[in-house]
Amino acid sequence: MSIRTLDRISEGRSFLGIGRSVPEWYSRYLGLEIGDPVNVMRNTLSRLKEFWGKSNRILRDEEYSVTSPTPHLLGVEHNCPIYIAAVGPRMIEVAIEFGNGLVFCWPTVEFLERTIPMVKASLERHGRDPEKFKFAVQTGFEVTTNKTDALEAMKAEMAYIYRFDGVARAFRSPCYDIERISLELRKNYAGAMEIVEGTSDWNIHRSSRLEIIRGIIPAGLVDEVGFIGTIDEIKKKLGSYKILGVTDMFVPPPQIDDRATDYKIFVNQLNDKI
């Protein structure tokens, strides 16, 4: 219902982004135990499409029980695109079956080179048009002339992503031992979580372990995966990602000013590349 409302407000420009999340978040903080994430995602999307299509239908299965759904009388005829965050082959297959695109979080070039052609081939086998499927990248992004400091600051954000089990599949690099980096991050995050028991993950970044965690991430790896530098440098990198098959990029507002008019100018400067 939230995405339907947003779709109406934005006049059809909304999309639903969805992923498996992280087990420790919903088990530790919410007290929820989820089964196989792939099966849960498949059931979620299947039920969601039924709910959007038949608003008065009672939905009940092993994962959900929606006994009195509210009719969506919003007048929105267009189905919101669904972009699924996935790195593993089983979740990618769910995206191919139910989604309109994939979101890759902090992927390396090697991962994109290997994965995008594989997904396009699978789409064709399923009778879907690969040209209508989106490949979106969400990664570190900052326009700056002080690249050294920006890379150092970005390490904490990268470490936060790299330390999760399974996520490292999106990080393949011929220059760095990604498996060792991920293992070291998990070990140090475990220690940090014990130190600040009961706090949110973000507070872990503020703990004394932050400098140790930053030291595990090479600045060159941040530079390889992120979009950090002058606007001309970023435009050049966007062009290379477009050649790889990336269709969309999540771009945060500039740090200097968040006004909509300035943001529009900023995005238009980049938009010819993706």
C-alpha atoms as a PDB file:
ATOM      1  CA  MET A   1       0.000   0.000   0.000  1.00  0.00           C
ATOM      2  CA  SER A   2       2.918   2.349   0.717  1.00  0.00           C
ATOM      3  CA  ILE A   3       4.449   1.880  -2.716  1.00  0.00           C
ATOM      4  CA  ARG A   4       1.028   2.275  -4.353  1.00  0.00           C
ATOM      5  CA  THR A   5       0.586   5.589  -2.546  1.00  0.00           C
ATOM      6  CA  LEU A   6       4.072   6.721  -3.535  1.00  0.00           C
ATOM      7  CA  ASP A   7       3.363   5.701  -7.119  1.00  0.00           C
ATOM      8  CA  ARG A   8       0.314   7.924  -7.180  1.00  0.00           C
ATOM      9  CA  ILE A   9       2.124  10.888  -5.640  1.00  0.00           C
ATOM     10  CA  SER A  10       5.024  10.558  -8.088  1.00  0.00           C
ATOM     11  CA  GLU A  11       2.712  10.017 -11.067  1.00  0.00           C
ATOM     12  CA  GLY A  12       4.123   6.610 -11.932  1.00  0.00           C
ATOM     13  CA  ARG A  13       7.804   7.294 -11.235  1.00  0.00           C
ATOM     14  CA  SER A  14       8.155   5.030  -8.189  1.00  0.00           C
ATOM     15  CA  PHE A  15       9.779   1.629  -7.962  1.00  0.00           C
ATOM     16  CA  LEU A  16       9.917  -0.991  -5.259  1.00  0.00           C
ATOM     17  CA  GLY A  17      13.416  -1.921  -4.133  1.00  0.00           C
ATOM     18  CA  ILE A  18      13.563  -5.081  -2.070  1.00  0.00           C
ATOM     19  CA  GLY A  19      16.255  -7.426  -0.750  1.00  0.00           C
ATOM     20  CA  ARG A  20      16.778 -10.259   1.705  1.00  0.00           C
ATOM     21  CA  SER A  21      18.121  -7.898   4.388  1.00  0.00           C
ATOM     22  CA  VAL A  22      20.513  -9.258   7.012  1.00  0.00           C
ATOM     23  CA  PRO A  23      19.509 -12.104   9.361  1.00  0.00           C
ATOM     24  CA  GLU A  24      21.151 -10.540  12.408  1.00  0.00           C
ATOM     25  CA  TRP A  25      19.004  -7.435  12.000  1.00  0.00           C
ATOM     26  CA  TYR A  26      15.633  -9.161  12.151  1.00  0.00           C
ATOM     27  CA  SER A  27      16.703 -11.903  14.560  1.00  0.00           C
ATOM     28  CA  ARG A  28      18.679  -9.763  17.010  1.00  0.00           C
ATOM     29  CA  TYR A  29      16.716  -6.520  16.949  1.00  0.00           C
ATOM     30  CA  LEU A  30      13.224  -7.712  16.046  1.00  0.00           C
ATOM     31  CA  GLY A  31      13.239 -11.246  17.480  1.00  0.00           C
ATOM     32  CA  LEU A  32      12.156 -12.726  14.135  1.00  0.00           C
ATOM     33  CA  GLU A  33      13.444 -15.951  12.645  1.00  0.00           C
ATOM     34  CA  ILE A  34      13.177 -16.171   8.855  1.00  0.00           C
ATOM     35  CA  GLY A  35      13.608 -19.401   6.941  1.00  0.00           C
ATOM     36  CA  ASP A  36      15.245 -19.736   3.537  1.00  0.00           C
ATOM     37  CA  PRO A  37      15.583 -16.122   2.286  1.00  0.00           C
ATOM     38  CA  VAL A  38      15.135 -17.177  -1.341  1.00  0.00           C
ATOM     39  CA  ASN A  39      11.843 -18.969  -0.648  1.00  0.00           C
ATOM     40  CA  VAL A  40      10.638 -16.078   1.491  1.00  0.00           C
ATOM     41  CA  MET A  41      11.470 -13.614  -1.290  1.00  0.00           C
ATOM     42  CA  ARG A  42       9.686 -15.727  -3.899  1.00  0.00           C
ATOM     43  CA  ASN A  43       6.586 -15.991  -1.675  1.00  0.00           C
ATOM     44  CA  THR A  44       6.717 -12.277  -0.878  1.00  0.00           C
ATOM     45  CA  LEU A  45       6.770 -11.236  -4.520  1.00  0.00           C
ATOM     46  CA  SER A  46       4.160 -13.786  -5.527  1.00  0.00           C
ATOM     47  CA  ARG A  47       1.762 -12.602  -2.793  1.00  0.00           C
ATOM     48  CA  LEU A  48       2.531  -8.962  -3.563  1.00  0.00           C
ATOM     49  CA  LYS A  49       1.600  -9.350  -7.220  1.00  0.00           C
ATOM     50  CA  GLU A  50      -1.607 -11.152  -6.259  1.00  0.00           C
ATOM     51  CA  PHE A  51      -2.449  -8.387  -3.814  1.00  0.00           C
ATOM     52  CA  TRP A  52      -1.837  -5.687  -6.396  1.00  0.00           C
ATOM     53  CA  GLY A  53      -3.888  -7.546  -8.958  1.00  0.00           C
ATOM     54  CA  LYS A  54      -6.779  -8.783  -6.785  1.00  0.00           C
ATOM     55  CA  SER A  55      -7.214  -6.396  -3.897  1.00  0.00           C
ATOM     56  CA  ASN A  56     -10.011  -8.295  -2.128  1.00  0.00           C
ATOM     57  CA  ARG A  57      -8.385 -11.711  -2.206  1.00  0.00           C
ATOM     58  CA  ILE A  58      -7.529 -13.335   1.114  1.00  0.00           C
ATOM     59  CA  LEU A  59      -3.864 -14.307   1.152  1.00  0.00           C
ATOM     60  CA  ARG A  60      -2.671 -17.092   3.401  1.00  0.00           C
ATOM     61  CA  ASP A  61       0.253 -19.502   3.167  1.00  0.00           C
ATOM     62  CA  GLU A  62       3.176 -20.696   5.245  1.00  0.00           C
ATOM     63  CA  GLU A  63       4.763 -17.243   5.315  1.00  0.00           C
ATOM     64  CA  TYR A  64       1.852 -14.800   5.414  1.00  0.00           C
ATOM     65  CA  SER A  65      -1.714 -14.411   6.521  1.00  0.00           C
ATOM     66  CA  VAL A  66      -3.493 -11.308   5.210  1.00  0.00           C
ATOM     67  CA  THR A  67      -7.115 -11.934   6.076  1.00  0.00           C
ATOM     68  CA  SER A  68      -8.701  -8.593   5.210  1.00  0.00           C
ATOM     69  CA  PRO A  69      -6.647  -6.669   2.669  1.00  0.00           C
ATOM     70  CA  THR A  70      -7.799  -3.144   1.969  1.00  0.00           C
ATOM     71  CA  PRO A  71      -8.776  -2.438  -1.646  1.00  0.00           C
ATOM     72  CA  HIS A  72      -6.236  -0.172  -3.324  1.00  0.00           C
ATOM     73  CA  LEU A  73      -8.556   2.461  -4.735  1.00  0.00           C
ATOM     74  CA  LEU A  74      -5.741   4.792  -5.732  1.00  0.00           C
ATOM     75  CA  GLY A  75      -6.390   4.833  -9.446  1.00  0.00           C
ATOM     76  CA  VAL A  76      -2.843   3.755 -10.286  1.00  0.00           C
ATOM     77  CA  GLU A  77      -2.974   1.505 -13.305  1.00  0.00           C
ATOM     78  CA  HIS A  78       0.736   0.991 -13.850  1.00  0.00           C
ATOM     79  CA  ASN A  79       2.498  -1.751 -11.900  1.00  0.00           C
ATOM     80  CA  CYS A  80       5.508  -0.408 -10.039  1.00  0.00           C
ATOM     81  CA  PRO A  81       8.789  -1.876 -11.272  1.00  0.00           C
ATOM     82  CA  ILE A  82      10.415  -4.222  -8.763  1.00  0.00           C
ATOM     83  CA  TYR A  83      14.182  -4.072  -8.413  1.00  0.00           C
ATOM     84  CA  ILE A  84      15.712  -6.847  -6.323  1.00  0.00           C
ATOM     85  CA  ALA A  85      19.043  -6.653  -4.525  1.00  0.00           C
ATOM     86  CA  ALA A  86      20.794  -9.960  -5.200  1.00  0.00           C
ATOM     87  CA  VAL A  87      24.246 -11.462  -5.629  1.00  0.00           C
ATOM     88  CA  GLY A  88      23.688 -15.232  -5.376  1.00  0.00           C
ATOM     89  CA  PRO A  89      22.462 -17.319  -8.316  1.00  0.00           C
ATOM     90  CA  ARG A  90      19.234 -18.450  -6.608  1.00  0.00           C
ATOM     91  CA  MET A  91      18.138 -14.926  -5.684  1.00  0.00           C
ATOM     92  CA  ILE A  92      19.073 -13.668  -9.134  1.00  0.00           C
ATOM     93  CA  GLU A  93      16.774 -16.332 -10.597  1.00  0.00           C
ATOM     94  CA  VAL A  94      13.953 -14.967  -8.408  1.00  0.00           C
ATOM     95  CA  ALA A  95      14.650 -11.513  -9.825  1.00  0.00           C
ATOM     96  CA  ILE A  96      14.506 -12.901 -13.351  1.00  0.00           C
ATOM     97  CA  GLU A  97      11.189 -14.588 -12.564  1.00  0.00           C
ATOM     98  CA  PHE A  98       9.445 -11.746 -10.727  1.00  0.00           C
ATOM     99  CA  GLY A  99      11.476  -8.557 -11.072  1.00  0.00           C
ATOM    100  CA  ASN A 100      12.103  -5.768 -13.508  1.00  0.00           C
ATOM    101  CA  GLY A 101      15.709  -5.265 -12.527  1.00  0.00           C
ATOM    102  CA  LEU A 102      18.593  -6.072 -10.221  1.00  0.00           C
ATOM    103  CA  VAL A 103      20.389  -3.841  -7.735  1.00  0.00           C
ATOM    104  CA  PHE A 104      24.073  -4.587  -7.130  1.00  0.00           C
ATOM    105  CA  CYS A 105      25.480  -3.067  -3.955  1.00  0.00           C
ATOM    106  CA  TRP A 106      29.157  -2.022  -4.094  1.00  0.00           C
ATOM    107  CA  PRO A 107      30.029  -4.486  -6.909  1.00  0.00           C
ATOM    108  CA  THR A 108      33.452  -4.767  -8.480  1.00  0.00           C
ATOM    109  CA  VAL A 109      33.953  -4.491 -12.233  1.00  0.00           C
ATOM    110  CA  GLU A 110      34.893  -8.176 -12.407  1.00  0.00           C
ATOM    111  CA  PHE A 111      31.558  -9.143 -10.820  1.00  0.00           C
ATOM    112  CA  LEU A 112      29.614  -6.990 -13.301  1.00  0.00           C
ATOM    113  CA  GLU A 113      31.571  -8.370 -16.278  1.00  0.00           C
ATOM    114  CA  ARG A 114      30.702 -11.901 -15.250  1.00  0.00           C
ATOM    115  CA  THR A 115      27.150 -11.449 -13.946  1.00  0.00           C
ATOM    116  CA  ILE A 116      25.353  -9.118 -16.367  1.00  0.00           C
ATOM    117  CA  PRO A 117      25.883 -11.297 -19.490  1.00  0.00           C
ATOM    118  CA  MET A 118      24.829 -14.376 -17.483  1.00  0.00           C
ATOM    119  CA  VAL A 119      21.603 -12.664 -16.371  1.00  0.00           C
ATOM    120  CA  LYS A 120      20.829 -11.478 -19.910  1.00  0.00           C
ATOM    121  CA  ALA A 121      21.251 -15.016 -21.242  1.00  0.00           C
ATOM    122  CA  SER A 122      18.933 -16.352 -18.535  1.00  0.00           C
ATOM    123  CA  LEU A 123      16.340 -13.667 -19.323  1.00  0.00           C
ATOM    124  CA  GLU A 124      16.296 -14.777 -22.948  1.00  0.00           C
ATOM    125  CA  ARG A 125      15.819 -18.411 -21.885  1.00  0.00           C
ATOM    126  CA  HIS A 126      12.805 -17.278 -19.848  1.00  0.00           C
ATOM    127  CA  GLY A 127      11.372 -15.453 -22.862  1.00  0.00           C
ATOM    128  CA  ARG A 128      12.075 -12.001 -21.430  1.00  0.00           C
ATOM    129  CA  ASP A 129      13.624  -9.043 -23.224  1.00  0.00           C
ATOM    130  CA  PRO A 130      17.030  -8.258 -21.649  1.00  0.00           C
ATOM    131  CA  GLU A 131      16.850  -4.708 -23.004  1.00  0.00           C
ATOM    132  CA  LYS A 132      13.852  -3.984 -20.749  1.00  0.00           C
ATOM    133  CA  PHE A 133      15.589  -5.292 -17.633  1.00  0.00           C
ATOM    134  CA  LYS A 134      17.458  -2.831 -15.398  1.00  0.00           C
ATOM    135  CA  PHE A 135      20.912  -3.291 -13.884  1.00  0.00           C
ATOM    136  CA  ALA A 136      21.340  -0.699 -11.137  1.00  0.00           C
ATOM    137  CA  VAL A 137      24.457  -0.051  -9.058  1.00  0.00           C
ATOM    138  CA  GLN A 138      24.500   1.405  -5.567  1.00  0.00           C
ATOM    139  CA  THR A 139      27.992   2.210  -4.345  1.00  0.00           C
ATOM    140  CA  GLY A 140      30.142   4.918  -2.802  1.00  0.00           C
ATOM    141  CA  PHE A 141      29.586   8.123  -4.765  1.00  0.00           C
ATOM    142  CA  GLU A 142      31.107  11.539  -4.078  1.00  0.00           C
ATOM    143  CA  VAL A 143      32.157  14.417  -6.299  1.00  0.00           C
ATOM    144  CA  THR A 144      35.271  15.899  -4.719  1.00  0.00           C
ATOM    145  CA  THR A 145      38.691  17.336  -5.468  1.00  0.00           C
ATOM    146  CA  ASN A 146      40.056  15.877  -2.219  1.00  0.00           C
ATOM    147  CA  LYS A 147      40.062  12.241  -3.279  1.00  0.00           C
ATOM    148  CA  THR A 148      42.452  10.982  -0.600  1.00  0.00           C
ATOM    149  CA  ASP A 149      40.285  12.086   2.328  1.00  0.00           C
ATOM    150  CA  ALA A 150      37.099  10.954   0.579  1.00  0.00           C
ATOM    151  CA  LEU A 151      38.501   7.448   0.014  1.00  0.00           C
ATOM    152  CA  GLU A 152      39.512   7.203   3.665  1.00  0.00           C
ATOM    153  CA  ALA A 153      36.089   8.323   4.870  1.00  0.00           C
ATOM    154  CA  MET A 154      34.341   5.923   2.499  1.00  0.00           C
ATOM    155  CA  LYS A 155      36.122   2.909   4.017  1.00  0.00           C
ATOM    156  CA  ALA A 156      33.651   2.716   6.912  1.00  0.00           C
ATOM    157  CA  GLU A 157      30.678   2.514   4.549  1.00  0.00           C
ATOM    158  CA  MET A 158      32.368  -0.138   2.433  1.00  0.00           C
ATOM    159  CA  ALA A 159      33.351  -2.162   5.514  1.00  0.00           C
ATOM    160  CA  TYR A 160      29.735  -2.128   6.664  1.00  0.00           C
ATOM    161  CA  ILE A 161      28.705  -3.893   3.444  1.00  0.00           C
ATOM    162  CA  TYR A 162      31.687  -6.198   2.986  1.00  0.00           C
ATOM    163  CA  ARG A 163      31.419  -7.856   6.374  1.00  0.00           C
ATOM    164  CA  PHE A 164      28.143  -9.702   5.683  1.00  0.00           C
ATOM    165  CA  ASP A 165      28.217 -13.404   4.843  1.00  0.00           C
ATOM    166  CA  GLY A 166      27.451 -14.086   1.183  1.00  0.00           C
ATOM    167  CA  VAL A 167      27.639 -10.455   0.087  1.00  0.00           C
ATOM    168  CA  ALA A 168      31.315 -10.859  -0.796  1.00  0.00           C
ATOM    169  CA  ARG A 169      30.192 -12.698  -3.941  1.00  0.00           C
ATOM    170  CA  ALA A 170      29.743  -9.262  -5.504  1.00  0.00           C
ATOM    171  CA  PHE A 171      33.354  -8.395  -4.716  1.00  0.00           C
ATOM    172  CA  ARG A 172      35.785 -10.050  -7.078  1.00  0.00           C
ATOM    173  CA  SER A 173      39.058  -8.306  -7.810  1.00  0.00           C
ATOM    174  CA  PRO A 174      42.315  -9.539  -9.358  1.00  0.00           C
ATOM    175  CA  CYS A 175      44.259  -7.080  -7.192  1.00  0.00           C
ATOM    176  CA  TYR A 176      42.893  -7.819  -3.709  1.00  0.00           C
ATOM    177  CA  ASP A 177      42.172 -10.840  -1.521  1.00  0.00           C
ATOM    178  CA  ILE A 178      38.473 -10.129  -1.027  1.00  0.00           C
ATOM    179  CA  GLU A 179      37.835 -13.320   0.944  1.00  0.00           C
ATOM    180  CA  ARG A 180      40.515 -12.412   3.502  1.00  0.00           C
ATOM    181  CA  ILE A 181      39.233  -8.831   3.756  1.00  0.00           C
ATOM    182  CA  SER A 182      35.667 -10.003   4.393  1.00  0.00           C
ATOM    183  CA  LEU A 183      36.834 -12.535   6.992  1.00  0.00           C
ATOM    184  CA  GLU A 184      38.864  -9.905   8.849  1.00  0.00           C
ATOM    185  CA  LEU A 185      35.934  -7.502   8.813  1.00  0.00           C
ATOM    186  CA  ARG A 186      33.552 -10.130  10.224  1.00  0.00           C
ATOM    187  CA  LYS A 187      36.003 -10.916  13.032  1.00  0.00           C
ATOM    188  CA  ASN A 188      36.461  -7.283  13.980  1.00  0.00           C
ATOM    189  CA  TYR A 189      32.791  -6.433  13.696  1.00  0.00           C
ATOM    190  CA  ALA A 190      32.016  -9.353  16.023  1.00  0.00           C
ATOM    191  CA  GLY A 191      34.356  -7.829  18.604  1.00  0.00           C
ATOM    192  CA  ALA A 192      32.862  -4.392  18.124  1.00  0.00           C
ATOM    193  CA  MET A 193      29.344  -5.754  18.562  1.00  0.00           C
ATOM    194  CA  GLU A 194      30.322  -7.278  21.904  1.00  0.00           C
ATOM    195  CA  ILE A 195      31.757  -3.963  23.024  1.00  0.00           C
ATOM    196  CA  VAL A 196      28.596  -2.001  22.223  1.00  0.00           C
ATOM    197  CA  GLU A 197      26.015  -4.712  22.936  1.00  0.00           C
ATOM    198  CA  GLY A 198      22.462  -3.486  22.525  1.00  0.00           C
ATOM    199  CA  THR A 199      23.247  -0.565  20.245  1.00  0.00           C
ATOM    200  CA  SER A 200      22.526  -0.148  16.568  1.00  0.00           C
ATOM    201  CA  ASP A 201      25.012  -1.178  13.887  1.00  0.00           C
ATOM    202  CA  TRP A 202      25.738   2.463  13.115  1.00  0.00           C
ATOM    203  CA  ASN A 203      27.010   2.997  16.650  1.00  0.00           C
ATOM    204  CA  ILE A 204      29.492   0.202  16.023  1.00  0.00           C
ATOM    205  CA  HIS A 205      31.128   2.510  13.500  1.00  0.00           C
ATOM    206  CA  ARG A 206      31.573   5.041  16.266  1.00  0.00           C
ATOM    207  CA  SER A 207      33.298   2.558  18.558  1.00  0.00           C
ATOM    208  CA  SER A 208      37.049   2.252  19.125  1.00  0.00           C
ATOM    209  CA  ARG A 209      37.166  -0.498  16.496  1.00  0.00           C
ATOM    210  CA  LEU A 210      36.478   1.902  13.643  1.00  0.00           C
ATOM    211  CA  GLU A 211      40.148   2.637  12.930  1.00  0.00           C
ATOM    212  CA  ILE A 212      40.985  -1.084  12.945  1.00  0.00           C
ATOM    213  CA  ILE A 213      38.090  -1.766  10.582  1.00  0.00           C
ATOM    214  CA  ARG A 214      39.189   1.048   8.264  1.00  0.00           C
ATOM    215  CA  GLY A 215      42.720  -0.316   8.226  1.00  0.00           C
ATOM    216  CA  ILE A 216      41.505  -3.605   6.755  1.00  0.00           C
ATOM    217  CA  ILE A 217      40.138  -1.897   3.614  1.00  0.00           C
ATOM    218  CA  PRO A 218      42.770  -0.763   1.053  1.00  0.00           C
ATOM    219  CA  ALA A 219      42.146   2.718  -0.345  1.00  0.00           C
ATOM    220  CA  GLY A 220      42.740   1.318  -3.836  1.00  0.00           C
ATOM    221  CA  LEU A 221      39.824  -1.079  -3.427  1.00  0.00           C
ATOM    222  CA  VAL A 222      37.508   1.781  -2.442  1.00  0.00           C
ATOM    223  CA  ASP A 223      38.673   3.660  -5.528  1.00  0.00           C
ATOM    224  CA  GLU A 224      38.077   0.600  -7.725  1.00  0.00           C
ATOM    225  CA  VAL A 225      34.520   0.032  -6.524  1.00  0.00           C
ATOM    226  CA  GLY A 226      33.349   3.559  -5.760  1.00  0.00           C
ATOM    227  CA  PHE A 227      32.709   6.690  -7.828  1.00  0.00           C
ATOM    228  CA  ILE A 228      34.908   9.239  -6.094  1.00  0.00           C
ATOM    229  CA  GLY A 229      36.648  12.178  -7.755  1.00  0.00           C
ATOM    230  CA  THR A 230      35.947  15.174  -9.959  1.00  0.00           C
ATOM    231  CA  ILE A 231      32.787  15.250 -12.023  1.00  0.00           C
ATOM    232  CA  ASP A 232      34.808  14.597 -15.203  1.00  0.00           C
ATOM    233  CA  GLU A 233      36.437  11.525 -13.629  1.00  0.00           C
ATOM    234  CA  ILE A 234      33.046  10.222 -12.518  1.00  0.00           C
ATOM    235  CA  LYS A 235      31.495  10.816 -15.950  1.00  0.00           C
ATOM    236  CA  LYS A 236      34.298   8.805 -17.538  1.00  0.00           C
ATOM    237  CA  LYS A 237      33.705   5.919 -15.128  1.00  0.00           C
ATOM    238  CA  LEU A 238      29.943   6.051 -15.730  1.00  0.00           C
ATOM    239  CA  GLY A 239      30.653   5.613 -19.415  1.00  0.00           C
ATOM    240  CA  SER A 240      32.721   2.486 -18.761  1.00  0.00           C
ATOM    241  CA  TYR A 241      29.944   1.041 -16.577  1.00  0.00           C
ATOM    242  CA  LYS A 242      27.427   1.684 -19.342  1.00  0.00           C
ATOM    243  CA  ILE A 243      29.575  -0.449 -21.660  1.00  0.00           C
ATOM    244  CA  LEU A 244      29.435  -3.227 -19.034  1.00  0.00           C
ATOM    245  CA  GLY A 245      25.626  -3.153 -19.206  1.00  0.00           C
ATOM    246  CA  VAL A 246      24.808  -1.028 -16.147  1.00  0.00           C
ATOM    247  CA  THR A 247      21.645   0.970 -16.868  1.00  0.00           C
ATOM    248  CA  ASP A 248      21.071   2.927 -13.644  1.00  0.00           C
ATOM    249  CA  MET A 249      23.130   4.452 -10.855  1.00  0.00           C
ATOM    250  CA  PHE A 250      21.985   5.638  -7.449  1.00  0.00           C
ATOM    251  CA  VAL A 251      23.319   9.190  -7.088  1.00  0.00           C
ATOM    252  CA  PRO A 252      23.119  10.953  -3.701  1.00  0.00           C
ATOM    253  CA  PRO A 253      22.517  14.705  -3.559  1.00  0.00           C
ATOM    254  CA  PRO A 254      25.679  16.824  -3.647  1.00  0.00           C
ATOM    255  CA  GLN A 255      27.103  17.611  -0.212  1.00  0.00           C
ATOM    256  CA  ILE A 256      27.238  21.354  -0.872  1.00  0.00           C
ATOM    257  CA  ASP A 257      23.538  21.916  -1.472  1.00  0.00           C
ATOM    258  CA  ASP A 258      20.461  19.685  -1.417  1.00  0.00           C
ATOM    259  CA  ARG A 259      18.079  22.023  -3.218  1.00  0.00           C
ATOM    260  CA  ALA A 260      16.070  20.281  -5.902  1.00  0.00           C
ATOM    261  CA  THR A 261      17.070  22.713  -8.648  1.00  0.00           C
ATOM    262  CA  ASP A 262      20.793  22.248  -7.982  1.00  0.00           C
ATOM    263  CA  TYR A 263      20.359  18.493  -7.737  1.00  0.00           C
ATOM    264  CA  LYS A 264      18.608  18.437 -11.116  1.00  0.00           C
ATOM    265  CA  ILE A 265      21.492  20.357 -12.714  1.00  0.00           C
ATOM    266  CA  PHE A 266      23.966  17.981 -11.095  1.00  0.00           C
ATOM    267  CA  VAL A 267      22.174  14.852 -12.320  1.00  0.00           C
ATOM    268  CA  ASN A 268      21.789  16.280 -15.827  1.00  0.00           C
ATOM    269  CA  GLN A 269      25.558  16.723 -15.978  1.00  0.00           C
ATOM    270  CA  LEU A 270      25.944  12.965 -15.445  1.00  0.00           C
ATOM    271  CA  ASN A 271      22.842  11.680 -17.188  1.00  0.00           C
ATOM    272  CA  ASP A 272      24.285  11.322 -20.683  1.00  0.00           C
ATOM    273  CA  LYS A 273      26.545   8.515 -19.454  1.00  0.00           C
ATOM    274  CA  ILE A 274      23.956   6.168 -17.901  1.00  0.00           C
END
